[in-house]
N, C-alpha and C. Protein backbone atom coordinates (compact mmCIF):
# COMPACT_ATOMS: atom_id res chain seq x y z
N MET A 1 89.77 -31.10 -1.75
CA MET A 1 91.43 -31.22 -1.12
C MET A 1 91.98 -30.04 -0.85
N ALA A 2 92.11 -29.10 -1.95
CA ALA A 2 92.53 -27.95 -1.51
C ALA A 2 92.10 -26.49 -0.85
N THR A 3 90.52 -27.31 -0.55
CA THR A 3 90.04 -26.32 0.38
C THR A 3 90.39 -26.32 1.66
N GLY A 4 90.43 -27.91 2.16
CA GLY A 4 90.54 -28.15 3.40
C GLY A 4 92.11 -27.75 3.84
N ALA A 5 92.78 -28.25 2.61
CA ALA A 5 94.35 -27.77 3.48
C ALA A 5 94.61 -26.54 3.15
N SER A 6 93.83 -25.48 2.71
CA SER A 6 94.07 -24.24 2.77
C SER A 6 93.56 -23.81 4.51
N TYR A 7 92.55 -24.13 4.46
CA TYR A 7 91.79 -24.17 5.64
C TYR A 7 92.80 -24.22 6.68
N MET A 8 93.27 -25.57 6.85
CA MET A 8 93.85 -26.10 8.03
C MET A 8 95.00 -25.07 7.97
N LYS A 9 95.86 -24.83 6.93
CA LYS A 9 97.10 -23.83 6.94
C LYS A 9 96.86 -22.86 7.44
N SER A 10 95.47 -22.13 7.46
CA SER A 10 95.16 -20.94 7.91
C SER A 10 94.75 -20.68 9.33
N LEU A 11 94.89 -21.85 10.01
CA LEU A 11 94.41 -21.82 11.21
C LEU A 11 95.36 -21.03 12.01
N ARG A 12 94.67 -19.99 12.97
CA ARG A 12 95.42 -19.94 14.50
C ARG A 12 95.19 -19.88 15.26
N ASP A 13 96.02 -19.45 16.41
CA ASP A 13 95.90 -19.79 17.70
C ASP A 13 94.58 -19.52 18.09
N SER A 14 93.88 -18.27 18.04
CA SER A 14 92.52 -17.84 18.36
C SER A 14 91.36 -18.68 17.69
N ASP A 15 91.69 -19.58 16.98
CA ASP A 15 90.63 -20.48 16.06
C ASP A 15 90.66 -21.81 16.93
N VAL A 16 91.56 -22.19 17.63
CA VAL A 16 91.58 -23.09 18.20
C VAL A 16 90.65 -23.65 19.60
N PRO A 17 90.26 -22.36 20.44
CA PRO A 17 89.26 -22.88 21.57
C PRO A 17 87.85 -23.25 20.53
N PRO A 18 87.59 -22.83 19.53
CA PRO A 18 86.29 -22.89 19.18
C PRO A 18 86.16 -24.59 18.60
N TRP A 19 87.16 -25.04 18.09
CA TRP A 19 87.46 -26.21 17.57
C TRP A 19 87.42 -27.35 18.67
N ILE A 20 87.96 -26.69 19.89
CA ILE A 20 88.10 -27.69 21.10
C ILE A 20 86.63 -27.82 21.42
N GLU A 21 86.16 -26.89 21.50
CA GLU A 21 84.86 -26.96 22.40
C GLU A 21 83.47 -27.24 21.35
N ARG A 22 83.79 -27.62 20.12
CA ARG A 22 82.86 -28.42 19.20
C ARG A 22 83.32 -29.88 19.06
N THR A 23 84.51 -29.98 18.99
CA THR A 23 84.99 -31.41 19.66
C THR A 23 84.51 -32.16 21.05
N LYS A 24 84.66 -31.39 21.91
CA LYS A 24 83.98 -31.59 23.00
C LYS A 24 82.62 -32.33 22.64
N ILE A 25 81.67 -31.29 22.61
CA ILE A 25 80.39 -31.70 22.01
C ILE A 25 80.31 -32.75 21.06
N PHE A 26 81.01 -33.06 20.09
CA PHE A 26 80.89 -34.23 19.28
C PHE A 26 81.22 -35.59 20.19
N LEU A 27 82.59 -35.29 20.99
CA LEU A 27 82.90 -36.55 21.54
C LEU A 27 81.66 -37.01 22.67
N GLY A 28 80.97 -35.97 22.98
CA GLY A 28 79.99 -36.21 24.00
C GLY A 28 78.99 -37.45 23.60
N GLU A 29 78.57 -37.19 22.16
CA GLU A 29 77.63 -37.84 21.49
C GLU A 29 78.50 -39.66 21.18
N TRP A 30 79.47 -39.96 21.32
CA TRP A 30 80.29 -41.05 21.02
C TRP A 30 79.22 -42.32 22.00
N LYS A 31 79.28 -43.32 21.50
CA LYS A 31 78.79 -44.51 22.11
C LYS A 31 79.50 -45.70 21.76
N PRO A 32 80.16 -46.33 22.65
CA PRO A 32 81.10 -47.80 22.47
C PRO A 32 80.11 -48.50 21.57
N GLY A 33 80.59 -49.25 20.61
CA GLY A 33 80.08 -50.17 19.61
C GLY A 33 79.55 -49.41 18.40
N SER A 34 79.60 -47.63 18.54
CA SER A 34 79.04 -47.00 17.35
C SER A 34 79.99 -47.09 16.24
N ASP A 35 79.37 -46.98 14.87
CA ASP A 35 80.30 -46.88 13.62
C ASP A 35 80.51 -45.28 13.80
N PRO A 36 82.15 -44.97 14.03
CA PRO A 36 82.45 -43.85 13.97
C PRO A 36 82.58 -42.85 12.52
N VAL A 37 82.74 -43.76 11.44
CA VAL A 37 82.54 -43.07 10.34
C VAL A 37 81.16 -42.63 9.70
N GLY A 38 81.22 -41.45 9.49
CA GLY A 38 80.11 -40.73 9.07
C GLY A 38 79.23 -40.63 9.82
N ALA A 39 79.23 -40.04 11.42
CA ALA A 39 78.31 -40.11 11.99
C ALA A 39 77.73 -38.94 11.81
N TYR A 40 78.46 -37.85 11.04
CA TYR A 40 77.55 -36.54 10.67
C TYR A 40 77.89 -36.82 9.00
N GLY A 41 76.92 -36.38 8.20
CA GLY A 41 77.29 -36.66 6.50
C GLY A 41 77.57 -38.05 6.06
N LEU A 42 77.01 -38.14 5.01
CA LEU A 42 77.15 -39.63 4.30
C LEU A 42 76.12 -40.57 4.78
N GLY A 43 75.00 -39.97 5.16
CA GLY A 43 74.00 -41.49 5.70
C GLY A 43 74.16 -40.74 7.18
N GLY A 44 74.41 -40.27 8.01
CA GLY A 44 74.42 -39.67 9.25
C GLY A 44 73.16 -38.52 9.38
N LYS A 45 73.50 -37.89 10.34
CA LYS A 45 73.01 -36.83 10.87
C LYS A 45 73.60 -35.69 9.63
N PRO A 46 72.81 -34.62 9.79
CA PRO A 46 73.61 -33.51 8.64
C PRO A 46 74.63 -33.11 9.46
N VAL A 47 75.71 -32.64 8.33
CA VAL A 47 76.66 -31.47 9.08
C VAL A 47 76.19 -30.50 9.32
N PRO A 48 76.77 -29.79 10.46
CA PRO A 48 75.89 -28.56 10.99
C PRO A 48 76.66 -27.52 9.95
N ALA A 49 75.78 -26.49 9.58
CA ALA A 49 75.45 -25.56 8.43
C ALA A 49 77.21 -24.71 8.44
N ASP A 50 77.37 -24.28 9.49
CA ASP A 50 78.95 -23.63 9.47
C ASP A 50 80.09 -24.45 9.06
N LEU A 51 80.18 -25.81 9.03
CA LEU A 51 80.94 -26.37 8.69
C LEU A 51 80.83 -27.12 7.51
N GLN A 52 79.81 -27.30 7.06
CA GLN A 52 79.22 -27.29 5.48
C GLN A 52 79.88 -25.92 4.76
N GLN A 53 79.66 -24.77 5.10
CA GLN A 53 80.49 -23.58 4.68
C GLN A 53 81.91 -23.49 4.48
N LEU A 54 82.12 -24.33 5.45
CA LEU A 54 84.20 -24.87 5.36
C LEU A 54 83.94 -25.64 4.23
N GLY A 55 83.21 -26.40 3.80
CA GLY A 55 83.52 -27.60 2.83
C GLY A 55 83.48 -29.20 3.54
N ILE A 56 83.21 -28.91 4.36
CA ILE A 56 83.31 -30.11 5.37
C ILE A 56 82.29 -31.11 4.81
N ILE A 57 82.57 -32.34 4.79
CA ILE A 57 81.30 -33.50 4.00
C ILE A 57 81.33 -34.69 4.96
N ARG A 58 81.90 -34.74 5.92
CA ARG A 58 81.68 -35.81 6.96
C ARG A 58 82.11 -35.30 8.09
N ILE A 59 81.95 -35.95 9.21
CA ILE A 59 82.16 -35.66 10.58
C ILE A 59 82.30 -37.41 10.99
N ASP A 60 83.55 -37.86 11.64
CA ASP A 60 83.58 -39.10 12.15
C ASP A 60 84.06 -38.82 13.53
N ILE A 61 83.29 -39.93 14.45
CA ILE A 61 83.72 -39.67 15.75
C ILE A 61 83.84 -41.22 16.66
N LEU A 62 84.99 -40.90 17.18
CA LEU A 62 85.43 -42.04 17.75
C LEU A 62 85.98 -41.84 19.43
N GLU A 63 86.21 -42.68 20.01
CA GLU A 63 85.99 -42.61 21.59
C GLU A 63 86.94 -41.10 22.12
N ARG A 64 88.50 -41.31 21.33
CA ARG A 64 89.01 -39.53 21.97
C ARG A 64 89.06 -39.07 21.02
N GLN A 65 88.51 -38.84 19.93
CA GLN A 65 88.96 -38.30 18.06
C GLN A 65 87.63 -37.99 17.47
N VAL A 66 87.98 -36.94 16.80
CA VAL A 66 86.87 -36.44 15.98
C VAL A 66 87.92 -35.83 14.75
N ARG A 67 87.32 -36.46 13.71
CA ARG A 67 87.64 -36.35 12.28
C ARG A 67 86.61 -35.37 11.39
N TYR A 68 87.14 -34.06 10.99
CA TYR A 68 86.51 -33.28 10.01
C TYR A 68 87.06 -33.39 8.92
N VAL A 69 86.21 -34.20 7.85
CA VAL A 69 86.73 -34.70 6.51
C VAL A 69 86.35 -33.45 5.68
N TRP A 70 86.85 -33.19 4.66
CA TRP A 70 86.62 -32.67 3.18
C TRP A 70 86.86 -33.50 1.97
N MET A 71 87.72 -34.51 2.44
CA MET A 71 87.86 -35.18 1.21
C MET A 71 87.91 -36.57 1.80
N GLY A 72 87.23 -37.72 1.56
CA GLY A 72 87.70 -39.15 2.16
C GLY A 72 87.94 -40.09 1.00
N GLY A 73 88.24 -41.55 1.45
CA GLY A 73 88.53 -42.23 0.49
C GLY A 73 89.96 -42.52 -0.02
N MET A 74 90.32 -42.71 -1.23
CA MET A 74 91.55 -43.36 -1.36
C MET A 74 92.77 -42.36 -0.92
N ASP A 75 92.25 -40.71 -1.15
CA ASP A 75 93.25 -39.37 -0.78
C ASP A 75 92.39 -38.83 -0.08
N HIS A 76 92.39 -38.81 0.96
CA HIS A 76 91.49 -38.04 2.13
C HIS A 76 92.25 -36.57 2.67
N THR A 77 91.66 -35.86 2.80
CA THR A 77 91.91 -34.59 3.49
C THR A 77 90.93 -34.13 4.88
N GLU A 78 91.65 -34.15 6.03
CA GLU A 78 90.81 -34.12 7.04
C GLU A 78 92.07 -33.63 8.24
N LEU A 79 90.80 -32.68 9.08
CA LEU A 79 91.38 -32.29 10.59
C LEU A 79 91.10 -33.29 11.83
N GLU A 80 92.01 -33.85 12.02
CA GLU A 80 91.96 -34.90 13.08
C GLU A 80 92.18 -34.15 14.52
N VAL A 81 91.35 -34.06 15.49
CA VAL A 81 91.11 -33.51 16.87
C VAL A 81 91.36 -34.50 17.72
N ASP A 82 92.18 -34.72 18.32
CA ASP A 82 92.60 -35.77 19.58
C ASP A 82 92.56 -35.37 21.05
N HIS A 83 91.43 -35.52 21.62
CA HIS A 83 91.75 -35.43 23.13
C HIS A 83 92.62 -36.36 23.71
N LEU A 84 93.74 -35.80 24.33
CA LEU A 84 94.89 -36.70 24.74
C LEU A 84 94.35 -36.99 26.11
N SER A 85 94.63 -38.42 26.62
CA SER A 85 94.92 -38.61 28.19
C SER A 85 94.81 -37.57 29.01
N ASP A 86 95.85 -36.82 28.87
CA ASP A 86 96.27 -35.83 29.86
C ASP A 86 95.16 -34.56 29.90
N GLY A 87 94.00 -34.47 29.31
CA GLY A 87 93.19 -33.58 28.83
C GLY A 87 93.40 -32.72 27.75
N ARG A 88 94.60 -32.36 27.39
CA ARG A 88 94.75 -31.35 26.25
C ARG A 88 94.29 -32.01 24.86
N PHE A 89 94.40 -31.25 23.92
CA PHE A 89 93.90 -31.52 22.82
C PHE A 89 94.95 -31.40 21.56
N ARG A 90 95.08 -32.23 20.63
CA ARG A 90 96.15 -31.99 19.46
C ARG A 90 95.32 -32.35 18.44
N PHE A 91 95.90 -31.08 17.44
CA PHE A 91 95.43 -31.04 15.96
C PHE A 91 96.52 -31.34 15.06
N ILE A 92 95.71 -32.40 14.10
CA ILE A 92 96.59 -33.01 13.02
C ILE A 92 96.19 -32.90 11.71
N ALA A 93 96.55 -32.47 10.63
CA ALA A 93 96.09 -31.74 9.59
C ALA A 93 96.57 -33.34 8.70
N HIS A 94 95.40 -33.92 7.88
CA HIS A 94 96.29 -34.85 6.86
C HIS A 94 95.42 -34.06 5.61
N TYR A 95 96.58 -33.59 5.03
CA TYR A 95 96.23 -33.12 3.62
C TYR A 95 96.11 -33.80 2.61
N ASN A 96 96.88 -35.18 2.48
CA ASN A 96 96.30 -36.28 1.93
C ASN A 96 97.00 -37.52 2.53
N ASP A 97 97.20 -38.68 1.65
CA ASP A 97 97.42 -40.01 2.07
C ASP A 97 99.01 -39.98 2.76
N THR A 98 99.47 -39.20 2.16
CA THR A 98 101.14 -38.93 2.50
C THR A 98 101.92 -37.80 3.31
N GLN A 99 100.77 -36.73 3.49
CA GLN A 99 101.22 -35.50 3.86
C GLN A 99 100.13 -35.12 5.21
N SER A 100 100.91 -35.23 6.51
CA SER A 100 100.19 -35.08 7.45
C SER A 100 101.12 -34.05 8.27
N GLU A 101 100.81 -33.09 9.20
CA GLU A 101 101.42 -32.96 10.36
C GLU A 101 100.78 -32.38 11.65
N VAL A 102 101.42 -32.30 12.92
CA VAL A 102 100.81 -31.67 13.94
C VAL A 102 100.50 -30.35 13.50
N ILE A 103 99.53 -29.36 13.68
CA ILE A 103 99.47 -28.10 13.24
C ILE A 103 98.90 -27.45 14.85
N TRP A 104 98.66 -28.35 16.08
CA TRP A 104 98.60 -27.50 17.25
C TRP A 104 98.59 -28.50 18.09
N PRO A 105 99.20 -28.25 19.10
CA PRO A 105 99.88 -26.91 19.66
C PRO A 105 101.14 -26.94 18.81
N LYS A 106 101.79 -26.05 18.77
CA LYS A 106 102.72 -25.90 17.80
C LYS A 106 103.82 -25.69 18.28
N ARG A 107 104.94 -26.19 17.79
CA ARG A 107 106.22 -25.97 18.28
C ARG A 107 107.11 -24.94 18.32
N SER A 108 108.09 -24.67 19.17
CA SER A 108 108.46 -23.19 18.83
C SER A 108 109.12 -22.95 17.37
N ASN A 109 109.57 -23.67 17.03
CA ASN A 109 110.27 -23.63 15.61
C ASN A 109 109.70 -24.39 14.28
N GLN A 110 108.26 -24.56 14.58
CA GLN A 110 107.37 -25.53 13.51
C GLN A 110 107.21 -24.25 12.56
N SER A 111 107.29 -24.97 11.41
CA SER A 111 106.94 -24.38 10.19
C SER A 111 105.59 -24.87 9.91
N MET A 112 104.57 -24.33 9.26
CA MET A 112 103.23 -24.36 8.88
C MET A 112 103.14 -25.22 7.35
N LYS A 113 104.22 -25.53 6.69
CA LYS A 113 104.66 -26.30 5.75
C LYS A 113 104.33 -27.61 5.73
N PRO A 114 103.49 -28.13 4.76
CA PRO A 114 102.91 -29.50 4.81
C PRO A 114 104.48 -30.43 4.50
N THR A 115 104.66 -31.57 5.16
CA THR A 115 105.51 -32.66 5.12
C THR A 115 105.97 -33.09 3.73
N ALA A 116 107.03 -33.16 3.20
CA ALA A 116 107.49 -33.67 1.62
C ALA A 116 106.56 -34.79 1.31
N PRO A 117 106.27 -35.02 0.25
CA PRO A 117 105.60 -36.20 0.02
C PRO A 117 106.46 -36.95 -0.64
N PHE A 118 106.01 -38.45 -0.05
CA PHE A 118 106.97 -39.78 -0.63
C PHE A 118 107.25 -39.97 -2.02
N ASP A 119 108.54 -39.85 -2.54
CA ASP A 119 108.62 -40.54 -3.94
C ASP A 119 108.66 -41.87 -4.62
N LYS A 120 109.09 -42.71 -3.63
CA LYS A 120 109.33 -43.87 -3.81
C LYS A 120 108.09 -44.74 -3.44
N LYS A 121 108.43 -45.94 -3.81
CA LYS A 121 107.22 -46.98 -3.56
C LYS A 121 107.83 -48.09 -3.14
N VAL A 122 107.60 -48.78 -1.98
CA VAL A 122 108.43 -50.06 -1.60
C VAL A 122 107.08 -51.49 -2.15
N SER A 123 108.00 -52.60 -2.35
CA SER A 123 107.16 -53.83 -2.81
C SER A 123 107.57 -54.84 -1.95
N VAL A 124 106.57 -55.59 -1.00
CA VAL A 124 107.36 -56.55 -0.46
C VAL A 124 106.38 -58.14 -0.74
N PHE A 125 107.38 -58.62 -0.68
CA PHE A 125 106.77 -60.16 -1.23
C PHE A 125 106.93 -60.82 -0.09
N ALA A 126 105.89 -61.93 0.15
CA ALA A 126 106.34 -63.29 0.95
C ALA A 126 105.85 -64.11 0.75
N THR A 127 106.26 -65.40 0.97
CA THR A 127 105.75 -66.87 0.26
C THR A 127 105.31 -67.87 1.54
N THR A 128 104.00 -68.37 1.24
CA THR A 128 103.57 -69.26 2.19
C THR A 128 103.34 -70.49 1.36
N PRO A 129 103.38 -71.55 1.95
CA PRO A 129 102.71 -73.02 1.09
C PRO A 129 101.56 -72.75 0.30
N CYS A 130 100.79 -71.89 0.61
CA CYS A 130 99.36 -71.87 -0.24
C CYS A 130 99.56 -70.86 -1.06
N ARG A 131 100.00 -69.67 -1.02
CA ARG A 131 99.93 -68.53 -1.97
C ARG A 131 101.02 -67.68 -1.71
N ARG A 132 101.40 -66.66 -2.71
CA ARG A 132 102.26 -65.58 -2.59
C ARG A 132 101.63 -64.55 -2.44
N LEU A 133 102.15 -63.40 -1.32
CA LEU A 133 101.33 -62.37 -0.89
C LEU A 133 102.15 -61.20 -1.31
N SER A 134 101.32 -60.25 -1.94
CA SER A 134 102.23 -58.90 -2.18
C SER A 134 101.68 -57.89 -1.84
N LEU A 135 102.44 -56.87 -1.15
CA LEU A 135 102.12 -55.67 -0.51
C LEU A 135 102.67 -54.74 -0.87
N SER A 136 102.12 -53.90 -1.96
CA SER A 136 103.18 -52.61 -2.15
C SER A 136 102.35 -51.29 -1.79
N GLY A 137 103.19 -50.34 -1.62
CA GLY A 137 102.34 -48.75 -1.70
C GLY A 137 103.10 -48.11 -0.65
N TYR A 138 102.39 -47.21 -0.40
CA TYR A 138 103.21 -46.06 0.52
C TYR A 138 103.09 -46.24 2.38
N GLY A 139 102.05 -47.08 2.50
CA GLY A 139 101.72 -47.90 3.64
C GLY A 139 103.20 -48.02 4.80
N LEU A 140 103.68 -49.03 3.97
CA LEU A 140 104.92 -49.83 4.48
C LEU A 140 106.55 -48.73 4.69
N LEU A 141 106.43 -47.97 3.74
CA LEU A 141 107.27 -47.02 3.60
C LEU A 141 107.05 -45.96 4.77
N PHE A 142 105.87 -45.21 4.78
CA PHE A 142 105.27 -44.50 5.74
C PHE A 142 105.62 -44.82 7.26
N MET A 143 105.61 -46.24 7.21
CA MET A 143 105.87 -46.78 8.62
C MET A 143 107.49 -46.61 8.93
N LYS A 144 108.21 -47.15 8.19
CA LYS A 144 109.61 -47.05 7.94
C LYS A 144 110.12 -45.81 7.88
N SER A 145 109.71 -44.75 7.44
CA SER A 145 109.92 -43.50 7.48
C SER A 145 109.71 -42.69 8.70
N ARG A 146 108.56 -43.10 9.49
CA ARG A 146 108.56 -42.80 11.21
C ARG A 146 109.75 -42.97 12.07
N ARG A 147 110.37 -44.05 11.60
CA ARG A 147 111.35 -44.56 12.29
C ARG A 147 112.86 -44.14 11.60
N SER A 148 112.92 -43.06 10.99
CA SER A 148 114.01 -42.30 10.33
C SER A 148 114.60 -43.47 9.71
N LEU A 149 114.09 -44.32 8.85
CA LEU A 149 114.88 -45.08 7.93
C LEU A 149 115.69 -44.44 6.57
């Protein structure tokens, strides 16, 4: 996780074009109905050597998105590169399950510091005639926080 976070925080504007070109190549491999997770690594094709040297263990390829994963599972660290409908690209650094930020294109006053971690958990209970459903965790809090509640 630390390796991926450090790398993403150190990306400069001059590093962006090679990542865009690499992403375009991977997006060219996407096929409808294909399993996007682990297209490279973890049972898929081998992760290219230059990306292995960065510590990337897996590459996920979706229709308009490539995820370069340093750590997956419960607490993930990945660089998400989205190909937007207007032809531009957006880079989102996911440092862990609660800290993410758009790192490119940069806003004029953007800090390269990650977002603050959530320090509260939310529990929601719903009762149905058959069973009681309990949802706990950060996902609901994250959705609410995006609406500035």
